[in-house]
Amino acid sequence: MIQFNQYLNEEDEESPADLIIKNCQPFLKKIGYKVTKYPLYRGMDENSKVVKKTVRKNRKPLDTKIEIHNMLNDAFYKKFKIKARSECIFVAGYESFSADFGRLFYIFPIGNFKFLWSPKIKDLFNKVGGFKIYSKTKSEMETIFKKLVDKYQKTDLKKAIKSHHEIMIDCKEYYAVRKYGYKKEPFLVTLRKEIQNEKI
């Protein structure tokens, strides 16, 4: 994990805004460079204001049994070739959706990335719980999970962000910038101005 604490105190040759413009072009292009209109949020137990993080590829569930976790992973992998529940970060375009998980950060995937979301499912964990899944047989669970995963798609990031639903981002690294705590202007305003200055 790399921290950018110098950003808080002085001008740097490569500020977080510069780094995001330089290294997050695939993401910026998908949202039409409209960073204030299409933010990604994630709640994090993190004290720094700006960090670069590597995505864990062996995420373990906190509240889901490992068998269910693995079966969901298998279902997503069969359809999208992404182990969505263990190799992705979970974000949303809605502050309240993410705030319960820690301090609120803006998320910027670095380099090429993939994403999954569902127009019909806001939170997969809650959806699975509604099926009383632990009383089902393995075959019944597999059928339920396939039907759920069939409701997901890998297109239209703008719509995904505006849906306020859970979005699963498959990337190697990302920048996280805390939303609150800046003495000057909000970070997304600074980033928008830098993008405009670059005439992208």
Protein backbone atom coordinates (compact mmCIF):
# COMPACT_ATOMS: atom_id res chain seq x y z
CA MET A 1 0.00 0.00 0.00
CA ILE A 2 1.37 3.39 -1.02
CA GLN A 3 0.32 6.55 0.79
CA PHE A 4 0.27 10.08 -0.65
CA ASN A 5 0.22 12.12 2.53
CA GLN A 6 2.36 14.84 0.96
CA TYR A 7 -0.69 15.85 -1.05
CA LEU A 8 -2.22 17.27 2.10
CA ASN A 9 0.57 19.72 2.77
CA GLU A 10 2.25 20.77 -0.43
CA GLU A 11 2.11 20.74 -4.18
CA ASP A 12 3.66 17.61 -5.62
CA GLU A 13 4.92 16.94 -9.12
CA GLU A 14 2.48 14.05 -9.36
CA SER A 15 -0.51 14.76 -7.16
CA PRO A 16 -3.29 12.17 -6.73
CA ALA A 17 -5.26 13.96 -9.45
CA ASP A 18 -2.28 13.70 -11.81
CA LEU A 19 -1.84 10.02 -11.03
CA ILE A 20 -5.52 9.26 -11.58
CA ILE A 21 -5.54 11.06 -14.92
CA LYS A 22 -2.36 9.22 -15.92
CA ASN A 23 -3.18 5.71 -14.69
CA CYS A 24 -6.98 5.43 -14.62
CA GLN A 25 -7.85 6.28 -18.22
CA PRO A 26 -10.01 3.16 -18.87
CA PHE A 27 -12.23 4.10 -15.91
CA LEU A 28 -12.33 7.79 -16.78
CA LYS A 29 -13.31 7.00 -20.37
CA LYS A 30 -16.17 4.74 -19.26
CA ILE A 31 -17.70 7.56 -17.21
CA GLY A 32 -17.05 10.15 -19.92
CA TYR A 33 -14.55 11.94 -17.63
CA LYS A 34 -17.51 13.17 -15.57
CA VAL A 35 -15.93 12.42 -12.20
CA THR A 36 -18.32 14.52 -10.12
CA LYS A 37 -21.38 12.92 -11.74
CA TYR A 38 -20.28 9.28 -11.60
CA PRO A 39 -18.29 8.65 -8.39
CA LEU A 40 -17.54 5.20 -7.02
CA TYR A 41 -17.68 4.89 -3.23
CA ARG A 42 -16.20 2.34 -0.87
CA GLY A 43 -16.20 2.24 2.92
CA MET A 44 -12.72 1.44 4.24
CA ASP A 45 -10.97 1.04 7.56
CA GLU A 46 -8.18 3.32 6.45
CA ASN A 47 -6.61 6.36 8.14
CA SER A 48 -4.71 7.83 5.19
CA LYS A 49 -6.47 10.27 2.93
CA VAL A 50 -5.04 8.94 -0.32
CA VAL A 51 -3.75 5.40 -0.89
CA LYS A 52 -2.87 3.04 -3.69
CA LYS A 53 -3.98 -0.49 -2.91
CA THR A 54 -3.56 -3.93 -4.44
CA VAL A 55 -6.72 -6.01 -4.71
CA ARG A 56 -6.65 -9.22 -2.70
CA LYS A 57 -7.38 -12.22 -4.90
CA ASN A 58 -8.29 -14.56 -2.05
CA ARG A 59 -10.95 -12.58 -0.23
CA LYS A 60 -12.72 -14.58 2.47
CA PRO A 61 -16.35 -13.87 3.39
CA LEU A 62 -17.18 -12.30 6.73
CA ASP A 63 -20.84 -13.29 7.01
CA THR A 64 -21.32 -16.00 4.40
CA LYS A 65 -20.45 -19.65 4.79
CA ILE A 66 -17.45 -20.58 2.70
CA GLU A 67 -19.46 -23.22 0.79
CA ILE A 68 -21.98 -20.60 -0.33
CA HIS A 69 -19.17 -18.17 -1.13
CA ASN A 70 -17.43 -20.76 -3.35
CA MET A 71 -20.63 -21.76 -5.13
CA LEU A 72 -21.39 -18.14 -5.97
CA ASN A 73 -17.84 -17.72 -7.21
CA ASP A 74 -18.26 -20.76 -9.44
CA ALA A 75 -21.53 -19.43 -10.85
CA PHE A 76 -20.00 -16.04 -11.68
CA TYR A 77 -16.91 -17.65 -13.19
CA LYS A 78 -18.98 -19.90 -15.45
CA LYS A 79 -20.83 -16.89 -16.88
CA PHE A 80 -18.24 -14.09 -16.78
CA LYS A 81 -14.85 -15.76 -16.12
CA ILE A 82 -14.59 -13.63 -12.99
CA LYS A 83 -14.49 -14.95 -9.43
CA ALA A 84 -16.60 -12.03 -8.39
CA ARG A 85 -16.94 -12.76 -4.68
CA SER A 86 -13.24 -13.34 -3.93
CA GLU A 87 -11.26 -11.36 -6.51
CA CYS A 88 -13.19 -8.08 -6.77
CA ILE A 89 -13.63 -4.98 -4.68
CA PHE A 90 -17.17 -3.96 -3.79
CA VAL A 91 -18.21 -0.39 -4.52
CA ALA A 92 -21.36 1.60 -5.22
CA GLY A 93 -22.42 4.95 -6.61
CA TYR A 94 -24.33 5.74 -3.43
CA GLU A 95 -22.70 7.08 -0.27
CA SER A 96 -25.01 5.42 2.25
CA PHE A 97 -24.49 2.02 0.66
CA SER A 98 -20.78 2.15 1.45
CA ALA A 99 -20.59 4.31 4.59
CA ASP A 100 -21.49 1.44 6.95
CA PHE A 101 -18.21 -0.30 6.09
CA GLY A 102 -15.83 2.43 7.23
CA ARG A 103 -14.61 5.86 6.18
CA LEU A 104 -15.95 6.91 2.82
CA PHE A 105 -13.47 6.85 -0.09
CA TYR A 106 -13.68 7.57 -3.79
CA ILE A 107 -12.36 4.62 -5.81
CA PHE A 108 -10.42 4.77 -9.08
CA PRO A 109 -9.45 1.45 -10.71
CA ILE A 110 -5.95 1.56 -12.17
CA GLY A 111 -5.47 0.37 -15.73
CA ASN A 112 -7.78 -2.09 -17.43
CA PHE A 113 -10.61 -3.42 -15.33
CA LYS A 114 -13.89 -5.30 -15.53
CA PHE A 115 -17.06 -4.80 -13.57
CA LEU A 116 -20.28 -6.64 -12.78
CA TRP A 117 -23.59 -5.35 -11.51
CA SER A 118 -27.28 -6.15 -11.61
CA PRO A 119 -30.14 -3.79 -12.44
CA LYS A 120 -32.39 -6.04 -10.34
CA ILE A 121 -30.20 -6.91 -7.33
CA LYS A 122 -29.04 -4.13 -5.03
CA ASP A 123 -27.02 -6.30 -2.64
CA LEU A 124 -26.31 -9.96 -3.41
CA PHE A 125 -25.66 -10.89 0.22
CA ASN A 126 -29.12 -9.71 1.26
CA LYS A 127 -30.71 -11.31 -1.79
CA VAL A 128 -29.19 -14.69 -1.03
CA GLY A 129 -30.33 -14.44 2.58
CA GLY A 130 -33.91 -13.98 1.43
CA PHE A 131 -33.96 -17.47 -0.06
CA LYS A 132 -33.30 -19.16 3.32
CA ILE A 133 -30.44 -20.71 1.43
CA TYR A 134 -29.06 -22.82 4.26
CA SER A 135 -32.14 -25.03 4.20
CA LYS A 136 -31.67 -25.89 0.51
CA THR A 137 -29.89 -28.86 -1.03
CA LYS A 138 -26.72 -28.27 -3.01
CA SER A 139 -28.58 -28.81 -6.28
CA GLU A 140 -31.27 -26.31 -5.28
CA MET A 141 -28.64 -23.77 -4.30
CA GLU A 142 -26.82 -24.14 -7.61
CA THR A 143 -30.08 -23.52 -9.47
CA ILE A 144 -30.84 -20.42 -7.38
CA PHE A 145 -27.33 -19.04 -7.81
CA LYS A 146 -27.40 -19.53 -11.57
CA LYS A 147 -30.66 -17.60 -11.79
CA LEU A 148 -29.22 -14.82 -9.66
CA VAL A 149 -26.00 -14.56 -11.66
CA ASP A 150 -28.03 -14.45 -14.88
CA LYS A 151 -29.39 -11.13 -13.66
CA TYR A 152 -25.89 -9.59 -13.74
CA GLN A 153 -24.17 -7.79 -16.62
CA LYS A 154 -20.74 -6.39 -17.45
CA THR A 155 -21.79 -3.30 -19.38
CA ASP A 156 -23.01 0.28 -18.79
CA LEU A 157 -20.95 1.52 -15.86
CA LYS A 158 -22.72 4.87 -15.81
CA LYS A 159 -26.07 3.16 -15.32
CA ALA A 160 -24.55 0.89 -12.69
CA ILE A 161 -23.30 3.89 -10.70
CA LYS A 162 -26.63 5.70 -10.94
CA SER A 163 -28.53 2.55 -9.89
CA HIS A 164 -27.01 2.79 -6.38
CA HIS A 165 -26.57 -0.99 -6.53
CA GLU A 166 -23.52 -2.99 -5.52
CA ILE A 167 -20.81 -3.02 -8.20
CA MET A 168 -18.01 -5.59 -8.25
CA ILE A 169 -14.77 -4.26 -9.75
CA ASP A 170 -12.16 -6.69 -11.07
CA CYS A 171 -8.80 -4.90 -11.19
CA LYS A 172 -5.25 -5.36 -9.95
CA GLU A 173 -4.85 -2.03 -8.16
CA TYR A 174 -6.82 1.08 -7.35
CA TYR A 175 -6.50 4.52 -5.84
CA ALA A 176 -8.68 5.39 -2.86
CA VAL A 177 -9.20 9.05 -1.94
CA ARG A 178 -11.07 9.92 1.23
CA LYS A 179 -14.14 12.05 0.56
CA TYR A 180 -14.03 14.19 3.68
CA GLY A 181 -11.26 16.17 5.38
CA TYR A 182 -9.89 18.50 2.72
CA LYS A 183 -9.32 22.10 3.74
CA LYS A 184 -9.65 23.48 0.23
CA GLU A 185 -12.18 22.26 -2.31
CA PRO A 186 -13.63 18.71 -2.58
CA PHE A 187 -11.23 16.32 -4.28
CA LEU A 188 -13.56 15.52 -7.18
CA VAL A 189 -13.78 19.23 -8.00
CA THR A 190 -9.98 19.41 -8.06
CA LEU A 191 -9.84 16.32 -10.28
CA ARG A 192 -12.48 17.71 -12.64
CA LYS A 193 -10.50 20.94 -13.02
CA GLU A 194 -7.30 19.00 -13.71
CA ILE A 195 -9.10 16.96 -16.38
CA GLN A 196 -10.39 20.17 -17.96
CA ASN A 197 -6.88 21.65 -17.87
CA GLU A 198 -5.60 18.56 -19.67
CA LYS A 199 -8.31 19.20 -22.30
CA ILE A 200 -9.22 15.51 -22.36
